[in-house]
Structure formats: C-alpha cells, structure tokens
Protein backbone atom coordinates (compact mmCIF):
# COMPACT_ATOMS: atom_id res chain seq x y z
CA MET A 1 0.45 4.30 26.61
CA SER A 2 -2.86 4.60 25.38
CA ARG A 3 -4.85 3.71 22.55
CA ASN A 4 -3.59 5.37 19.08
CA ARG A 5 -4.71 5.63 16.21
CA THR A 6 -3.87 8.47 14.82
CA SER A 7 -0.44 8.30 15.15
CA LEU A 8 -0.16 6.42 11.83
CA ALA A 9 -0.52 9.47 10.14
CA SER A 10 3.18 10.31 11.27
CA VAL A 11 4.24 6.76 10.38
CA ALA A 12 2.95 7.95 6.80
CA ALA A 13 4.88 11.01 7.00
CA ALA A 14 8.04 9.11 7.55
CA ALA A 15 7.12 7.02 5.15
CA CYS A 16 7.04 9.63 2.78
CA ALA A 17 10.44 11.24 3.52
CA GLY A 18 12.30 7.29 3.64
CA LEU A 19 10.69 5.11 1.18
CA LEU A 20 13.62 3.49 -0.02
CA THR A 21 12.06 0.66 -2.37
CA LEU A 22 8.46 -0.18 -3.60
CA SER A 23 6.06 -2.87 -4.04
CA ALA A 24 3.14 -3.66 -6.20
CA CYS A 25 -0.16 -4.22 -4.16
CA GLY A 26 -2.46 -6.87 -5.69
CA GLY A 27 -5.84 -5.64 -4.67
CA GLY A 28 -6.26 -7.28 -1.53
CA SER A 29 -8.71 -9.41 -0.17
CA GLY A 30 -12.28 -8.84 -0.61
CA PHE A 31 -12.91 -7.97 -4.13
CA ASP A 32 -16.52 -7.82 -5.13
CA ASP A 33 -18.35 -10.45 -7.23
CA GLY A 34 -18.65 -9.11 -11.06
CA GLY A 35 -18.25 -10.07 -14.17
CA SER A 36 -17.99 -7.32 -16.29
CA SER A 37 -14.62 -5.97 -17.56
CA GLY A 38 -15.82 -2.41 -17.72
CA GLU A 39 -15.01 -1.82 -21.41
CA GLY A 40 -14.92 1.46 -22.76
CA GLY A 41 -17.14 2.23 -25.29
CA GLY A 42 -16.75 4.64 -27.29
CA ASP A 43 -19.80 6.51 -26.88
CA GLY A 44 -19.05 9.43 -25.10
CA LYS A 45 -19.41 7.19 -21.81
CA ILE A 46 -15.98 6.59 -19.19
CA THR A 47 -15.63 3.23 -17.97
CA VAL A 48 -13.61 3.30 -15.20
CA LEU A 49 -12.20 -0.28 -13.28
CA ILE A 50 -10.85 -1.09 -10.81
CA GLY A 51 -10.07 -3.64 -7.81
CA SER A 52 -11.54 -2.80 -4.47
CA SER A 53 -10.29 -3.48 -1.02
CA GLY A 54 -14.14 -3.50 0.14
CA ASP A 55 -17.21 -1.58 0.53
CA ALA A 56 -15.66 1.99 1.13
CA GLU A 57 -13.09 1.57 -1.38
CA THR A 58 -15.86 1.13 -3.37
CA GLU A 59 -17.79 3.65 -2.54
CA ALA A 60 -15.26 6.33 -2.17
CA VAL A 61 -14.84 6.08 -5.84
CA GLU A 62 -18.19 6.07 -6.82
CA LYS A 63 -19.00 9.10 -5.18
CA ALA A 64 -15.81 11.21 -7.04
CA VAL A 65 -16.66 9.75 -10.02
CA ALA A 66 -20.31 10.98 -10.02
CA ASP A 67 -18.82 14.44 -8.62
CA TRP A 68 -16.97 14.56 -11.67
CA SER A 69 -19.21 13.18 -14.10
CA GLN A 70 -22.15 15.89 -12.42
CA GLU A 71 -19.79 18.81 -12.88
CA SER A 72 -17.68 17.45 -16.40
CA GLY A 73 -22.01 16.01 -17.89
CA THR A 74 -19.75 13.41 -19.01
CA ASP A 75 -21.25 10.01 -18.08
CA ALA A 76 -19.19 7.27 -16.03
CA GLU A 77 -19.52 4.26 -15.07
CA VAL A 78 -17.13 2.49 -12.43
CA THR A 79 -17.12 -1.29 -12.17
CA VAL A 80 -15.20 -3.37 -9.78
CA ALA A 81 -13.07 -6.22 -10.66
CA SER A 82 -13.31 -9.78 -9.43
CA ASP A 83 -9.84 -9.67 -10.95
CA LEU A 84 -8.55 -7.57 -11.82
CA ASN A 85 -5.50 -8.38 -13.95
CA GLN A 86 -7.85 -11.35 -15.62
CA GLN A 87 -10.32 -8.82 -16.69
CA LEU A 88 -7.84 -5.78 -17.67
CA SER A 89 -6.03 -8.29 -19.94
CA GLN A 90 -9.14 -9.55 -21.26
CA GLY A 91 -10.51 -6.31 -22.16
CA PHE A 92 -7.41 -4.89 -23.69
CA ALA A 93 -7.12 -8.40 -25.91
CA SER A 94 -10.42 -7.63 -26.83
CA SER A 95 -9.52 -4.40 -27.97
CA ASN A 96 -12.29 -3.34 -26.01
CA PRO A 97 -10.82 -1.98 -22.58
CA PRO A 98 -11.82 0.36 -19.84
CA ASP A 99 -10.49 3.78 -20.33
CA VAL A 100 -9.65 4.28 -16.73
CA PHE A 101 -8.33 1.62 -14.69
CA TYR A 102 -6.29 0.64 -11.96
CA MET A 103 -2.66 -0.37 -12.62
CA SER A 104 0.33 -1.98 -10.49
CA THR A 105 4.06 -1.13 -10.05
CA ASP A 106 4.06 -4.85 -11.84
CA GLN A 107 2.14 -4.84 -14.39
CA LEU A 108 3.64 -1.19 -15.69
CA GLY A 109 6.30 -2.47 -17.90
CA GLY A 110 4.36 -5.29 -19.61
CA TYR A 111 1.22 -2.48 -20.76
CA VAL A 112 4.29 0.44 -21.60
CA GLU A 113 6.20 -2.38 -23.46
CA ASN A 114 3.11 -3.03 -26.27
CA GLY A 115 2.08 0.48 -26.08
CA SER A 116 -1.27 -0.23 -24.33
CA LEU A 117 -0.52 2.58 -22.18
CA LEU A 118 -1.37 6.66 -22.50
CA ALA A 119 1.97 8.66 -20.92
CA TYR A 120 -0.24 10.85 -19.79
CA GLY A 121 1.44 11.86 -16.34
CA ASP A 122 2.93 15.73 -17.33
CA GLN A 123 -0.39 16.59 -18.74
CA LEU A 124 -1.34 16.86 -15.24
CA SER A 125 -1.18 19.86 -14.05
CA ASN A 126 -0.53 18.58 -10.30
CA ALA A 127 2.10 17.08 -11.77
CA ASP A 128 4.64 17.91 -9.48
CA ASP A 129 2.67 17.80 -6.79
CA PHE A 130 2.93 13.47 -6.54
CA TYR A 131 6.10 12.52 -3.84
CA PRO A 132 8.81 11.98 -5.90
CA ASN A 133 9.38 7.63 -5.72
CA LEU A 134 6.04 7.00 -5.80
CA ARG A 135 6.30 9.14 -9.37
CA GLN A 136 9.29 7.13 -10.06
CA ALA A 137 7.66 3.90 -10.12
CA PHE A 138 5.09 4.63 -12.66
CA THR A 139 7.96 6.61 -14.56
CA VAL A 140 9.29 4.37 -17.63
CA ASP A 141 12.36 5.75 -19.94
CA ASP A 142 11.23 9.26 -18.53
CA GLU A 143 8.19 9.45 -19.43
CA PHE A 144 5.84 9.49 -16.28
CA TYR A 145 3.03 7.09 -17.81
CA CYS A 146 0.54 7.06 -14.90
CA ALA A 147 -1.05 9.26 -11.76
CA PRO A 148 -0.01 7.53 -8.37
CA LYS A 149 -3.57 7.26 -7.07
CA ASP A 150 -2.86 6.77 -3.00
CA PHE A 151 -0.24 4.40 -1.00
CA SER A 152 0.04 2.33 1.84
CA THR A 153 2.85 1.56 4.32
CA LEU A 154 3.87 -0.70 7.16
CA ALA A 155 3.74 0.09 10.54
CA LEU A 156 4.81 -1.52 13.54
CA TRP A 157 1.62 -2.34 15.29
CA ILE A 158 1.79 -2.65 19.19
CA ASN A 159 -0.99 -4.28 21.98
CA THR A 160 -1.54 -1.24 24.38
CA GLU A 161 -3.04 -3.65 26.87
CA LYS A 162 -0.20 -5.93 27.20
CA TRP A 163 2.65 -4.04 26.57
CA GLU A 164 1.54 -2.23 29.93
CA ALA A 165 1.38 -5.07 31.11
CA ALA A 166 4.67 -6.03 30.63
CA GLY A 167 5.92 -2.79 32.33
CA LEU A 168 7.02 -1.20 28.75
CA THR A 169 6.24 3.04 28.74
CA ASP A 170 5.76 4.99 25.81
CA ALA A 171 9.92 5.64 26.55
CA ASP A 172 10.04 1.80 25.14
CA VAL A 173 8.73 1.91 21.71
CA PRO A 174 11.44 0.71 19.57
CA THR A 175 13.62 3.13 17.47
CA THR A 176 16.60 0.06 16.35
CA TRP A 177 16.97 -3.15 16.26
CA GLU A 178 18.21 -3.93 19.34
CA GLU A 179 15.34 -2.24 21.09
CA LEU A 180 13.25 -4.13 19.08
CA ALA A 181 14.71 -7.49 20.44
CA ASP A 182 14.96 -6.06 23.48
CA VAL A 183 11.13 -5.56 24.10
CA ALA A 184 10.17 -8.65 21.46
CA ALA A 185 11.43 -10.41 24.11
CA THR A 186 10.17 -8.89 26.71
CA LEU A 187 6.92 -9.38 25.72
CA LYS A 188 7.44 -13.20 24.97
CA GLN A 189 5.05 -14.91 27.20
CA GLY A 190 5.98 -18.89 26.85
CA LYS A 191 4.62 -19.94 23.57
CA GLN A 192 3.67 -16.70 22.54
CA PRO A 193 5.98 -14.03 20.36
CA GLY A 194 6.56 -11.10 21.45
CA LEU A 195 6.89 -9.79 17.75
CA ALA A 196 4.34 -12.02 14.63
CA PHE A 197 4.53 -11.50 11.09
CA SER A 198 3.29 -13.16 7.74
CA PRO A 199 5.78 -15.29 5.94
CA GLU A 200 5.99 -13.29 3.34
CA TYR A 201 9.07 -11.28 1.08
CA GLN A 202 6.10 -8.37 1.71
CA ARG A 203 6.74 -8.20 5.45
CA VAL A 204 10.40 -9.67 5.73
CA GLY A 205 11.79 -7.58 2.92
CA ALA A 206 10.90 -4.91 5.00
CA PHE A 207 14.28 -4.80 6.52
CA PHE A 208 16.09 -5.12 3.94
CA PRO A 209 16.00 -0.94 3.13
CA GLN A 210 17.24 -1.05 6.75
CA ALA A 211 20.40 -3.11 6.21
CA GLY A 212 21.04 -0.49 3.45
CA GLY A 213 19.79 -3.57 0.78
CA ALA A 214 17.08 -3.63 -1.54
CA MET A 215 15.28 -6.12 -4.57
CA THR A 216 17.04 -4.43 -7.39
CA ASN A 217 19.47 -1.43 -8.17
CA GLU A 218 17.80 2.07 -8.07
CA GLN A 219 17.31 1.86 -11.92
CA GLN A 220 15.45 -1.28 -10.90
CA THR A 221 17.09 -2.64 -14.21
CA GLU A 222 18.80 -5.30 -12.21
CA ALA A 223 18.74 -7.92 -9.04
CA THR A 224 20.63 -7.24 -6.28
CA VAL A 225 19.39 -9.83 -4.48
CA ASP A 226 22.15 -11.43 -2.73
CA THR A 227 23.71 -9.32 -1.41
CA PRO A 228 25.41 -8.68 1.98
CA GLU A 229 22.98 -5.97 3.06
CA ASN A 230 20.17 -8.46 2.15
CA GLU A 231 21.98 -11.43 4.17
CA GLU A 232 22.45 -9.34 7.26
CA ALA A 233 18.83 -8.23 7.30
CA LEU A 234 18.13 -11.79 7.36
CA ASP A 235 20.47 -12.76 9.56
CA TYR A 236 18.40 -10.36 12.25
CA VAL A 237 15.06 -12.19 11.20
CA GLN A 238 16.19 -15.15 11.57
CA ARG A 239 17.74 -14.32 15.18
CA LEU A 240 14.51 -13.61 16.18
CA LEU A 241 12.80 -16.28 14.86
CA GLU A 242 14.91 -18.51 16.21
CA ASP A 243 15.06 -17.56 19.87
CA GLY A 244 11.50 -17.33 19.94
CA SER A 245 11.12 -13.85 20.27
CA ALA A 246 9.27 -13.26 16.39
CA GLN A 247 7.01 -16.16 14.87
CA TYR A 248 5.62 -16.13 11.79
CA SER A 249 1.63 -16.41 11.82
CA SER A 250 1.21 -18.92 10.28
CA THR A 251 2.85 -20.80 13.03
CA LEU A 252 0.35 -19.18 15.40
CA GLY A 253 -2.33 -20.58 13.17
CA ALA A 254 -3.23 -17.42 11.75
CA GLY A 255 -3.76 -16.74 7.82
CA TRP A 256 -1.88 -12.95 8.51
CA GLY A 257 -0.06 -10.54 10.82
CA GLY A 258 -2.91 -8.72 11.64
CA GLU A 259 -4.80 -11.91 12.13
CA ALA A 260 -2.66 -12.74 15.05
CA PHE A 261 -2.49 -9.76 16.45
CA GLY A 262 -6.17 -8.94 16.28
CA LYS A 263 -6.81 -12.30 17.75
CA GLU A 264 -3.58 -10.87 20.52
CA LEU A 265 -2.19 -13.98 19.89
CA ALA A 266 1.06 -11.89 19.64
CA PRO A 267 1.76 -8.18 21.11
CA MET A 268 3.15 -6.66 18.11
CA THR A 269 3.21 -7.08 14.38
CA ILE A 270 4.12 -5.64 11.06
CA GLU A 271 1.49 -4.62 9.16
CA GLY A 272 0.21 -1.79 6.81
CA ASN A 273 -3.05 1.04 7.41
CA TRP A 274 -5.13 -1.82 6.26
CA LEU A 275 -5.18 -3.25 9.56
CA VAL A 276 -7.25 -0.46 10.50
CA GLY A 277 -10.25 -1.63 8.98
CA ALA A 278 -10.02 -4.53 10.13
CA MET A 279 -9.20 -3.65 13.84
CA GLN A 280 -12.46 -2.00 13.90
CA ASN A 281 -14.72 -4.39 12.06
CA ASP A 282 -13.39 -7.32 13.43
CA PHE A 283 -11.42 -6.79 16.49
CA PRO A 284 -12.96 -3.55 17.98
CA ASP A 285 -12.17 -4.27 21.91
CA VAL A 286 -8.70 -4.73 21.14
CA ASP A 287 -6.43 -1.71 22.20
CA TYR A 288 -3.29 -0.44 20.10
CA THR A 289 -1.53 1.50 19.37
CA VAL A 290 0.67 2.39 15.74
CA ALA A 291 5.09 3.10 15.35
CA GLU A 292 7.31 3.56 12.79
CA LEU A 293 9.89 0.55 12.01
CA PRO A 294 12.37 0.85 13.21
CA ALA A 295 15.16 1.75 12.04
CA GLY A 296 18.19 -0.89 10.95
CA PRO A 297 22.25 -0.66 10.70
CA GLN A 298 22.06 1.77 7.73
CA GLY A 299 18.98 3.79 9.19
CA LYS A 300 15.17 3.52 8.00
CA GLY A 301 13.29 2.01 5.92
CA THR A 302 9.66 0.03 4.84
CA LEU A 303 8.21 -0.81 1.63
CA ALA A 304 4.98 0.66 0.09
CA PHE A 305 2.29 -0.63 -1.75
CA THR A 306 0.99 1.50 -4.54
CA ASN A 307 -1.02 1.65 -8.19
CA CYS A 308 -1.94 4.18 -10.74
CA TRP A 309 -4.88 5.36 -12.58
CA GLY A 310 -4.37 3.94 -15.77
CA ILE A 311 -5.63 5.00 -18.97
CA ALA A 312 -5.77 3.35 -22.01
CA GLU A 313 -3.74 4.15 -25.31
CA SER A 314 -6.70 3.33 -27.18
CA SER A 315 -9.03 5.14 -24.93
CA PRO A 316 -11.16 7.67 -27.31
CA GLU A 317 -12.13 9.89 -24.64
CA GLN A 318 -8.92 10.97 -23.48
CA GLU A 319 -9.02 13.74 -22.62
CA GLN A 320 -11.83 13.55 -20.03
CA ALA A 321 -9.77 10.23 -18.87
CA VAL A 322 -7.20 12.82 -17.54
CA ASP A 323 -9.67 15.64 -16.65
CA LEU A 324 -11.04 12.79 -14.17
CA VAL A 325 -7.61 11.56 -13.03
CA GLU A 326 -6.76 14.93 -12.22
CA LYS A 327 -9.76 15.12 -9.80
CA LEU A 328 -8.98 12.14 -8.35
CA THR A 329 -5.81 12.81 -7.56
CA SER A 330 -6.71 16.21 -5.92
CA ALA A 331 -5.89 16.81 -2.63
CA GLU A 332 -9.49 17.23 -1.88
CA ASP A 333 -10.41 14.67 -3.22
CA GLN A 334 -7.14 12.17 -2.07
CA ALA A 335 -7.90 13.41 1.78
CA ALA A 336 -11.63 12.34 1.03
CA PHE A 337 -10.34 8.83 0.10
CA ALA A 338 -7.52 8.44 2.96
CA GLN A 339 -10.49 9.03 5.62
CA ALA A 340 -12.74 6.58 3.73
CA PHE A 341 -10.31 3.51 3.15
CA GLY A 342 -7.06 4.61 5.33
CA VAL A 343 -5.04 4.68 2.71
CA ILE A 344 -1.96 7.64 2.33
CA PRO A 345 -2.85 10.48 0.19
CA SER A 346 0.19 10.27 -3.32
CA VAL A 347 0.44 14.18 -3.57
CA GLU A 348 1.95 16.48 -0.87
CA SER A 349 -0.64 18.94 -0.74
CA ALA A 350 -2.95 16.43 0.68
CA ALA A 351 -0.53 15.93 3.29
CA ALA A 352 -0.32 19.38 4.22
CA ALA A 353 -3.93 20.30 4.14
C-alpha cells in the first residue's frame, strides 16, 4: 500500500451519494482573534462574518470576496469571528447583523423562526446544482433558505507503515463491519488498539446509519435515538472497545482521534477531511491512506458537517448579497475552496469539473 492522499475524493463522491444524516459543524478550532461582529451598515458595503478553521480558509474566502468586489464594484469586508454564534446573535440583537454569514444547521431553525433569515435559495441560478441532502438541510417548510457553502464527512484513515508491518494489503481494506473488526484485531499490538476515535456522538454516531438508524426521523421532527438499529450500532462499538481492538482517543491521552492517529498511538482512526491539514502541518512524516467507512448491516453511511451562507432578512444590500453568494457557490470558487482548505464542494458541477 502506498501513500495515497487523494483517495479522499472518492470517499467524498461516495458520501455525496450515501449521506444518511447531517450534523452541524461548529467551526472547529483555529478561530482567529477578533472582536468585531461584522455589522452591516447600510452604506452600500457588504459585510461578511465567517468562522474560520485557519489561515488557509480565511485567505481563500477573502480572495473570493475581493474578486467579487472588484468585478461588481461593491465594497465588501470579511470579518473572522472569534465566537461565531455569539457575535452573530449580538449583531441581530442590536439590529445590525452582517449581511452575509456562516450559518450552521443547528442554528438555522431558531433564526428562521424569529424571521432573521432571508429565504433566498431559489433565487440562485445554481439552486438545482446543490446536492439534494445538503439543500434539504437548509430547507424549512419547503423554503430553501440558504446555500450550503461546502461540507465535510468522515472516513477511515489508515497508517500505511503499520498496516504493511501487520502483513495487510490493499485487499484487506475493510468494507464491512466484520472486516473492520478483523483488521482492528490484527493491528492491535499489546495495549495499542487497532482503531481509535474521539469519544463523541460525531464519531460513534457514524455507525448509526450503517445499521439503519438515525437520531431523528427523516423529517427531523421526532427523536429516534432509542431504536433497535441504534442499539445494534452501539453494541458493535462496545464489542470493539471491550476486546481492546478499539479505544477512545482520550484513553490514549490524545485530545481527538486525529491526534491519536498522527502520534501513531493507533494505526486507524475515523476522522474528517480536516485531518489533511493537521497531518501536513503536525505529522508530515506519517504515511497514510484514506478509505470509505465500512458498510454496516444496512449498508453504507456516514455523517456530514456543513454550514450555509446566511443572508440577513434586514440587510439593505440583499440583491448584492445574493449575487456574492452565487459567486461563492460557483463551481470555480467551490473547487478553489476545496483545494485551499480541504472541504468538499456543495455543488455537483464542481465535483464533475
């Protein structure tokens, strides 16, 4: 098995077809310091408030917005939030929100209910280009409120050196729960597990759709946590933990699964595409490959993490704001964002390009 850092693209393609549930992305770590809420002032300038994962994301968004500003002749300013949710709520509370901003799925309902969000999604010329599951995540009462800006999903990360040292080959990459349990047991060395992942729903929950379960019904109107399908998924994870084939990253003294993987405390982990940057920056000497999460008894499944580009209902620059979002969700910009900070485009045309 050779180093393969491009196989995440195939994982993404599979994820686009097989997403069974969606979770909000809290923006991760790495928010730049900054106290401004990016208030819109009604002076013809577009204000954009984002929660950035780091310099790469900030610079990519700033460039895209600057390009639009030059083309449109409209001034625009990007502000990086230190606490996106707090600064956004403060902006709305003071009746001076930014014109355009990141909006997560778990915040969407509240802002829709109090009338803060402009339902502009169907005004976009590329409205039908978004992956249906992402579009649905930002649709309330049949109104497509805001354009998904991109998404991330989970995959199985494999340490190439440890894999080969255990006598495993490409043919052994697990495609089912049974195969995952087998290779995790093979890779286990003393107290070192074969698989490690963060002790949170955002990782353990990936097994739910593979067993046919979910946290809510399809309409997201009813909790469905206590189901036989979810119980089957939890039983499977518990067996891995009890026999030592898998351990939580916290048990290994790591802050998250990616750290455990990068420090080679475990040869496999379940993480998202954001791990690419951490491996490049913090663990450049670790060779790895990335594979699709194995299928469970009910097939393939994973979790996705996404935000949309929200536009304030009270923005005096709505037309320009919609025009800006249309550019930011174009295939060209989506591909540039994917290249810059590892996210997966939200429009199908970018994947096909």
